[in-house]
């Protein structure tokens, strides 16, 4: 699941049916896969909004 999430984040255009099949083989349902994709996509969206608006990271958040 984490490899799937990283690939979707870093190289979304490289995703293919094999990626979801790996998750199915590991026991994830189609609904689980949808949930994973939605969470990854939401974080990407939220981060791009924050970056686009120049929102600074809160001082209490460490890298």
Protein backbone atom coordinates (compact mmCIF):
# COMPACT_ATOMS: atom_id res chain seq x y z
CA UNK A 1 0.00 0.00 0.00
CA UNK A 2 2.75 2.44 0.87
CA UNK A 3 4.64 1.73 -2.37
CA UNK A 4 1.39 2.34 -4.25
CA UNK A 5 0.85 5.64 -2.40
CA UNK A 6 4.41 6.78 -3.05
CA UNK A 7 4.18 5.95 -6.76
CA UNK A 8 0.85 7.76 -7.04
CA UNK A 9 2.38 10.80 -5.34
CA UNK A 10 5.71 10.92 -7.15
CA UNK A 11 4.84 9.58 -10.63
CA UNK A 12 1.05 9.59 -11.02
CA UNK A 13 1.24 9.27 -14.80
CA UNK A 14 3.04 5.94 -14.45
CA UNK A 15 0.17 4.26 -12.57
CA UNK A 16 -1.43 1.31 -14.35
CA UNK A 17 -3.66 -1.71 -13.77
CA UNK A 18 -0.73 -3.73 -12.43
CA UNK A 19 -0.46 -1.34 -9.48
CA UNK A 20 -4.02 -1.96 -8.37
CA UNK A 21 -3.67 -5.68 -9.01
CA UNK A 22 -0.78 -5.83 -6.55
CA UNK A 23 -3.09 -4.36 -3.91
CA UNK A 24 -5.87 -6.81 -4.75
CA UNK A 25 -3.43 -9.71 -4.44
CA UNK A 26 -2.43 -8.37 -1.02
CA UNK A 27 -6.09 -8.51 0.04
CA UNK A 28 -7.30 -4.96 -0.56
CA UNK A 29 -10.81 -4.62 -1.95
CA UNK A 30 -11.75 -2.22 -4.72
CA UNK A 31 -13.28 0.02 -2.05
CA UNK A 32 -10.02 -0.07 -0.08
CA UNK A 33 -8.10 0.93 -3.20
CA UNK A 34 -10.52 3.78 -3.85
CA UNK A 35 -10.03 4.99 -0.28
CA UNK A 36 -6.23 4.86 -0.66
CA UNK A 37 -6.35 6.82 -3.92
CA UNK A 38 -8.73 9.41 -2.46
CA UNK A 39 -6.52 10.02 0.59
CA UNK A 40 -3.36 10.32 -1.50
CA UNK A 41 -5.11 12.60 -3.99
CA UNK A 42 -6.57 14.79 -1.24
CA UNK A 43 -3.16 15.36 0.37
CA UNK A 44 -1.63 16.19 -3.01
CA UNK A 45 -4.48 18.64 -3.68
CA UNK A 46 -4.27 20.27 -0.25
CA UNK A 47 -0.49 20.64 -0.49
CA UNK A 48 -0.70 22.23 -3.93
CA UNK A 49 -3.31 24.70 -2.70
CA UNK A 50 -1.08 25.61 0.25
CA UNK A 51 2.00 25.89 -1.96
CA UNK A 52 0.13 27.92 -4.57
CA UNK A 53 -1.03 30.38 -1.96
CA UNK A 54 2.38 30.60 -0.34
CA UNK A 55 1.14 29.36 3.00
CA UNK A 56 4.01 29.00 5.43
CA UNK A 57 4.47 25.88 7.54
CA UNK A 58 3.53 26.39 11.17
CA UNK A 59 6.65 26.85 13.33
CA UNK A 60 5.75 23.87 15.52
CA UNK A 61 5.87 21.50 12.51
CA UNK A 62 9.29 19.96 11.93
CA UNK A 63 10.58 18.40 8.73
